[in-house]
Protein backbone atom coordinates (compact mmCIF):
# COMPACT_ATOMS: atom_id res chain seq x y z
CA MET A 1 -65.25 24.92 -18.33
CA ARG A 2 -62.62 22.45 -17.03
CA LEU A 3 -62.08 23.00 -13.48
CA ALA A 4 -58.76 21.47 -11.92
CA SER A 5 -57.75 21.54 -8.34
CA ILE A 6 -54.41 22.94 -8.00
CA ARG A 7 -52.20 22.24 -4.90
CA ALA A 8 -50.78 25.41 -3.45
CA ALA A 9 -48.69 24.80 -0.06
CA ASP A 10 -51.28 23.32 2.35
CA HIS A 11 -54.50 24.10 0.35
CA ALA A 12 -55.92 23.73 -3.08
CA VAL A 13 -57.15 26.44 -5.12
CA ILE A 14 -59.15 26.62 -8.42
CA GLY A 15 -57.60 26.16 -11.78
CA VAL A 16 -59.42 26.94 -15.00
CA VAL A 17 -57.83 24.73 -17.96
CA SER A 18 -57.70 25.82 -21.23
CA ALA A 19 -59.39 24.27 -24.22
CA ASP A 20 -56.29 22.65 -25.33
CA GLN A 21 -55.39 21.50 -22.07
CA GLN A 22 -52.06 23.23 -21.97
CA THR A 23 -52.42 26.15 -19.82
CA VAL A 24 -54.23 27.04 -16.65
CA ARG A 25 -55.53 30.26 -15.03
CA VAL A 26 -54.98 29.80 -11.30
CA LEU A 27 -57.55 31.62 -9.40
CA PRO A 28 -57.02 33.33 -5.86
CA THR A 29 -57.30 31.24 -2.85
CA ALA A 30 -59.96 33.65 -1.37
CA LEU A 31 -62.42 32.50 -4.08
CA GLY A 32 -62.95 28.82 -2.70
CA THR A 33 -62.54 25.38 -4.25
CA VAL A 34 -63.92 23.37 -6.95
CA ASP A 35 -65.94 21.77 -4.41
CA ASP A 36 -67.45 25.22 -3.88
CA VAL A 37 -68.32 25.51 -7.17
CA VAL A 38 -70.00 22.06 -7.52
CA ARG A 39 -72.35 22.76 -4.60
CA GLY A 40 -73.46 26.13 -5.99
CA LEU A 41 -71.63 28.11 -3.39
CA LEU A 42 -69.43 29.77 -6.00
CA PRO A 43 -71.19 30.48 -9.20
CA LEU A 44 -69.42 29.46 -12.46
CA LYS A 45 -69.92 33.00 -14.01
CA THR A 46 -67.96 34.27 -10.98
CA VAL A 47 -65.30 31.83 -11.74
CA SER A 48 -65.30 32.64 -15.33
CA ALA A 49 -65.14 36.62 -14.57
CA ALA A 50 -62.08 36.15 -12.12
CA ALA A 51 -60.19 33.69 -14.54
CA ALA A 52 -60.59 36.46 -17.41
CA ASN A 53 -58.03 38.75 -15.63
CA ILE A 54 -55.48 36.01 -14.70
CA PRO A 55 -52.47 35.10 -17.03
CA ASN A 56 -51.91 31.59 -18.08
CA THR A 57 -49.73 29.03 -16.44
CA ALA A 58 -48.06 26.15 -18.27
CA ILE A 59 -49.80 23.31 -16.94
CA GLU A 60 -46.58 21.02 -16.56
CA THR A 61 -45.43 23.57 -13.82
CA LEU A 62 -48.42 22.88 -11.50
CA GLU A 63 -49.61 20.05 -9.37
CA ILE A 64 -52.93 19.06 -9.90
CA GLY A 65 -54.62 17.06 -7.04
CA PRO A 66 -58.05 15.48 -7.14
CA PRO A 67 -60.68 17.77 -8.44
CA LEU A 68 -63.10 16.83 -5.34
CA THR A 69 -61.93 16.36 -1.73
CA ARG A 70 -65.18 16.66 0.15
CA PHE A 71 -67.81 14.12 -0.06
CA ASN A 72 -71.21 13.97 1.17
CA ARG A 73 -71.23 10.22 1.47
CA ASP A 74 -69.44 7.23 0.13
CA ILE A 75 -68.42 7.10 -3.55
CA LEU A 76 -71.44 5.72 -5.45
CA CYS A 77 -70.70 3.06 -8.05
CA THR A 78 -72.09 0.87 -10.86
CA GLY A 79 -71.17 -2.81 -11.53
CA TRP A 80 -71.47 -4.90 -14.59
CA ASN A 81 -72.67 -2.04 -16.51
CA TYR A 82 -70.80 -3.06 -19.98
CA VAL A 83 -72.10 -6.37 -21.30
CA ASP A 84 -68.70 -7.46 -22.33
CA HIS A 85 -67.46 -6.93 -18.81
CA PHE A 86 -70.41 -8.88 -17.42
CA HIS A 87 -69.66 -11.91 -19.84
CA GLU A 88 -65.76 -11.80 -19.40
CA SER A 89 -66.03 -12.14 -15.64
CA ALA A 90 -68.69 -14.70 -15.61
CA GLY A 91 -66.31 -17.56 -14.72
CA ARG A 92 -64.53 -15.56 -12.16
CA ARG A 93 -67.38 -14.71 -9.79
CA ASP A 94 -67.18 -18.04 -7.94
CA GLY A 95 -70.99 -18.63 -8.31
CA GLN A 96 -71.65 -15.06 -6.66
CA GLY A 97 -73.73 -12.66 -8.59
CA PRO A 98 -76.52 -13.26 -11.18
CA PRO A 99 -76.20 -15.88 -14.09
CA SER A 100 -77.49 -13.38 -16.60
CA MET A 101 -77.37 -9.73 -17.27
CA PRO A 102 -79.29 -7.96 -14.54
CA GLU A 103 -82.52 -6.07 -15.50
CA HIS A 104 -81.56 -3.24 -13.41
CA PRO A 105 -78.32 -1.42 -12.64
CA THR A 106 -76.00 -3.02 -9.85
CA PHE A 107 -75.04 -0.34 -7.37
CA PHE A 108 -72.36 -0.39 -4.62
CA THR A 109 -70.21 2.20 -2.73
CA LYS A 110 -66.55 2.78 -1.96
CA GLY A 111 -65.14 4.80 0.74
CA PRO A 112 -64.05 8.53 0.05
CA ASP A 113 -60.52 7.98 1.29
CA THR A 114 -59.79 5.91 -1.69
CA VAL A 115 -59.42 9.19 -3.81
CA ILE A 116 -56.06 10.60 -5.05
CA GLY A 117 -55.15 12.72 -7.67
CA PRO A 118 -54.44 12.31 -11.32
CA HIS A 119 -50.62 11.84 -11.10
CA ASP A 120 -50.51 10.46 -7.65
CA VAL A 121 -48.86 7.01 -6.67
CA ILE A 122 -51.53 4.45 -5.97
CA ALA A 123 -50.89 2.89 -2.59
CA PHE A 124 -50.18 -0.64 -3.50
CA ASP A 125 -49.48 -3.15 -0.55
CA SER A 126 -49.10 -6.65 -1.51
CA THR A 127 -49.55 -7.65 2.20
CA LEU A 128 -53.33 -6.46 1.90
CA SER A 129 -54.02 -8.19 -1.40
CA ALA A 130 -52.35 -10.30 -3.96
CA LYS A 131 -54.93 -9.56 -6.92
CA TRP A 132 -54.90 -5.69 -7.62
CA ASP A 133 -56.77 -5.00 -10.73
CA TYR A 134 -57.48 -1.95 -12.85
CA GLU A 135 -60.95 -0.42 -14.09
CA ALA A 136 -61.17 2.64 -16.27
CA GLU A 137 -64.43 4.49 -15.88
CA LEU A 138 -66.33 7.58 -16.57
CA ALA A 139 -67.31 9.44 -13.52
CA LEU A 140 -69.62 12.19 -13.01
CA VAL A 141 -70.76 14.59 -10.18
CA ILE A 142 -74.05 15.71 -9.18
CA GLY A 143 -74.68 19.64 -9.49
CA HIS A 144 -78.39 19.81 -8.44
CA ASP A 145 -80.13 17.90 -5.61
CA GLY A 146 -83.03 15.37 -6.72
CA ARG A 147 -84.99 12.41 -5.80
CA SER A 148 -86.81 10.18 -7.90
CA ILE A 149 -85.38 11.99 -10.95
CA PRO A 150 -87.33 11.26 -14.11
CA GLU A 151 -84.94 9.87 -16.71
CA PRO A 152 -85.51 12.54 -19.34
CA ASP A 153 -84.51 15.19 -16.49
CA ALA A 154 -81.46 13.12 -15.29
CA LEU A 155 -78.71 14.88 -17.10
CA ALA A 156 -79.75 18.17 -16.03
CA HIS A 157 -78.61 17.04 -12.59
CA VAL A 158 -75.18 16.44 -13.65
CA PHE A 159 -72.64 19.22 -13.02
CA GLY A 160 -69.82 17.53 -14.98
CA TYR A 161 -67.69 14.39 -15.84
CA PHE A 162 -64.01 13.39 -15.20
CA VAL A 163 -62.01 10.03 -15.30
CA ALA A 164 -61.67 7.50 -12.65
CA ASN A 165 -59.71 4.24 -12.27
CA ASP A 166 -61.58 2.10 -9.68
CA ILE A 167 -58.46 0.02 -8.56
CA SER A 168 -59.96 -3.19 -7.00
CA GLN A 169 -58.67 -6.08 -4.92
CA ARG A 170 -60.41 -9.07 -6.20
CA ASP A 171 -59.31 -11.53 -3.30
CA LEU A 172 -60.71 -9.06 -0.61
CA GLN A 173 -63.93 -9.00 -2.84
CA ARG A 174 -64.24 -12.78 -2.52
CA SER A 175 -63.16 -13.29 0.98
CA HIS A 176 -65.90 -10.84 2.41
CA GLY A 177 -68.69 -12.51 1.26
CA GLY A 178 -68.52 -11.53 -2.17
CA GLN A 179 -69.54 -7.87 -1.43
CA TRP A 180 -67.60 -5.06 -3.06
CA LEU A 181 -67.09 -2.24 -0.19
CA LYS A 182 -63.82 -3.84 1.16
CA GLY A 183 -62.21 -4.94 -2.15
CA LYS A 184 -62.77 -1.49 -3.29
CA SER A 185 -62.14 0.63 -0.52
CA LEU A 186 -58.36 0.68 0.46
CA ASP A 187 -56.92 4.05 1.24
CA ALA A 188 -55.29 5.98 -1.80
CA THR A 189 -56.00 3.65 -4.46
CA MET A 190 -58.54 5.45 -6.93
CA PRO A 191 -57.05 8.19 -9.04
CA ILE A 192 -59.78 10.61 -10.37
CA GLY A 193 -59.35 13.87 -12.53
CA PRO A 194 -57.50 15.35 -14.04
CA TRP A 195 -60.19 18.02 -13.65
CA ILE A 196 -64.04 18.17 -14.08
CA THR A 197 -65.38 19.12 -17.37
CA THR A 198 -68.59 20.78 -17.00
CA ALA A 199 -71.49 19.10 -18.50
CA ASP A 200 -72.24 21.88 -21.13
CA GLU A 201 -68.79 20.96 -22.67
CA ILE A 202 -69.77 17.60 -23.43
CA SER A 203 -72.17 16.99 -26.30
CA ASP A 204 -72.79 13.50 -25.72
CA PRO A 205 -71.59 11.56 -22.52
CA ILE A 206 -73.41 8.47 -24.06
CA ASP A 207 -70.65 8.23 -27.03
CA MET A 208 -67.19 8.74 -25.21
CA THR A 209 -64.11 6.63 -25.48
CA VAL A 210 -62.67 5.03 -22.42
CA GLU A 211 -59.11 3.44 -22.46
CA CYS A 212 -56.64 2.34 -20.01
CA GLU A 213 -53.09 1.35 -20.67
CA LEU A 214 -50.82 -0.94 -18.43
CA ASN A 215 -47.14 -0.26 -18.78
CA GLY A 216 -47.88 1.07 -22.36
CA GLU A 217 -49.99 -1.56 -23.41
CA LEU A 218 -53.80 -0.83 -24.24
CA VAL A 219 -55.87 -3.06 -21.93
CA GLN A 220 -59.13 -1.45 -22.06
CA HIS A 221 -60.89 0.31 -25.05
CA ALA A 222 -64.63 0.92 -25.36
CA SER A 223 -67.32 3.61 -25.84
CA THR A 224 -69.79 4.67 -23.27
CA LYS A 225 -72.54 3.72 -25.88
CA GLU A 226 -71.73 0.17 -24.81
CA MET A 227 -73.15 0.63 -21.35
CA ALA A 228 -75.90 -1.77 -20.63
CA PHE A 229 -77.70 1.18 -18.79
CA ALA A 230 -77.15 4.47 -20.00
CA ILE A 231 -76.23 7.71 -17.66
CA PRO A 232 -79.87 8.86 -17.57
CA ARG A 233 -81.07 5.23 -16.61
CA LEU A 234 -78.57 5.05 -13.95
CA ILE A 235 -79.36 8.50 -12.27
CA ALA A 236 -83.17 7.71 -12.44
CA GLU A 237 -82.90 4.20 -10.75
CA LEU A 238 -80.46 5.47 -8.09
CA SER A 239 -82.19 8.39 -7.28
CA ARG A 240 -85.60 6.55 -6.90
CA GLY A 241 -86.67 7.21 -3.37
CA MET A 242 -82.93 8.18 -2.44
CA THR A 243 -81.89 11.86 -2.76
CA LEU A 244 -79.00 12.65 -4.77
CA ARG A 245 -77.13 15.83 -3.64
CA ALA A 246 -74.97 18.31 -5.30
CA GLY A 247 -71.44 16.98 -4.83
CA ASP A 248 -72.17 13.12 -4.93
CA VAL A 249 -69.99 11.15 -7.29
CA LEU A 250 -71.01 8.24 -9.54
CA LEU A 251 -68.83 5.99 -11.15
CA THR A 252 -70.75 4.35 -14.31
CA GLY A 253 -69.09 1.05 -14.69
CA THR A 254 -65.98 -0.27 -16.33
CA PRO A 255 -65.72 -2.12 -19.94
CA SER A 256 -64.01 -5.28 -20.78
CA GLY A 257 -60.37 -6.14 -20.27
CA VAL A 258 -59.82 -6.03 -16.74
CA GLY A 259 -56.95 -8.29 -15.55
CA ASN A 260 -58.90 -10.65 -13.26
CA ALA A 261 -60.72 -11.85 -16.45
CA ARG A 262 -57.74 -12.43 -18.69
CA THR A 263 -56.23 -15.91 -19.11
CA PRO A 264 -53.99 -16.16 -17.55
CA PRO A 265 -55.13 -13.29 -15.18
CA VAL A 266 -53.02 -10.01 -14.95
CA TYR A 267 -52.67 -8.46 -11.67
CA LEU A 268 -50.91 -5.14 -10.88
CA THR A 269 -47.86 -4.83 -8.86
CA SER A 270 -45.26 -2.35 -7.52
CA GLY A 271 -43.86 -0.10 -10.19
CA ASP A 272 -46.55 -0.66 -12.72
CA ILE A 273 -47.67 2.51 -14.57
CA LEU A 274 -51.62 2.95 -15.18
CA GLN A 275 -52.95 5.54 -17.98
CA THR A 276 -56.45 5.97 -17.74
CA ARG A 277 -58.15 8.36 -20.38
CA ILE A 278 -61.54 9.35 -21.70
CA LYS A 279 -61.27 11.49 -25.01
CA GLY A 280 -62.07 14.99 -24.32
CA LEU A 281 -61.90 14.74 -20.50
CA GLY A 282 -58.24 14.22 -20.23
CA ASP A 283 -55.80 11.61 -18.73
CA LEU A 284 -54.62 10.12 -15.60
CA LYS A 285 -51.31 8.76 -15.07
CA ASN A 286 -50.40 6.85 -11.97
CA ALA A 287 -47.43 4.50 -10.56
CA LEU A 288 -48.25 1.82 -8.14
CA GLY A 289 -45.89 2.00 -4.96
CA HIS A 290 -45.36 2.71 -1.30
CA ARG A 291 -46.93 6.13 -0.28
CA SER A 292 -45.53 7.94 2.82
């Protein structure tokens, strides 16, 4: 099932997206939100039954917001999880970070106020940073609580998958001790969506194509099979001694091709258009500019 968050007046309702991603069955407000489904407060079978009695609406007539708006904590993220990306950025880390590929995943967090919808404007502000960068990523949301989850059981804890672009400010990363929180936590800068595709729809999350276009030019293209640490390993290590709860979001890392690693570097500016896609999960299309 593909669960979108449809903006309706001052609230959001659940939209069940068709397999061809062309139409949506918009559910009644009283049923709840996608956040409720992820947390098990609204069973998927109830959503499916309700959708069966609702006519289709053309997707282009609807405004789609971020699929998740309630967060238990900061967004959980993975750094350096594609070998090519680790090596391409080696000369750009100013001596910070490990000299060789780490033996364990690198985790960090970013604030939930970064989240915007799949077609929303990214809140670009040149007074905050001069080095805005793009990072296309596969994201997942946890559907079942777990602590110290064994790797073979890890995927059973995933509710679903979606697309994200971890917009980053490279100079802020460097100017605050090399840590990533500040350089990745500016408000209204991370598009996610366009909807959550439930895990049962994805035959193999370890072989999905991740792409990013900047103003129509393909700048990132990779398969998730190129991850240094596959999703089960990420979940197992992250949950070791630390409870993951339904609704927690995990970004799984970006492949090579980021602007900061190019020669010369390519940084984002107002008016740029980013298209971020993962085959089977949908597309994000976001402009950079002022947000009121």
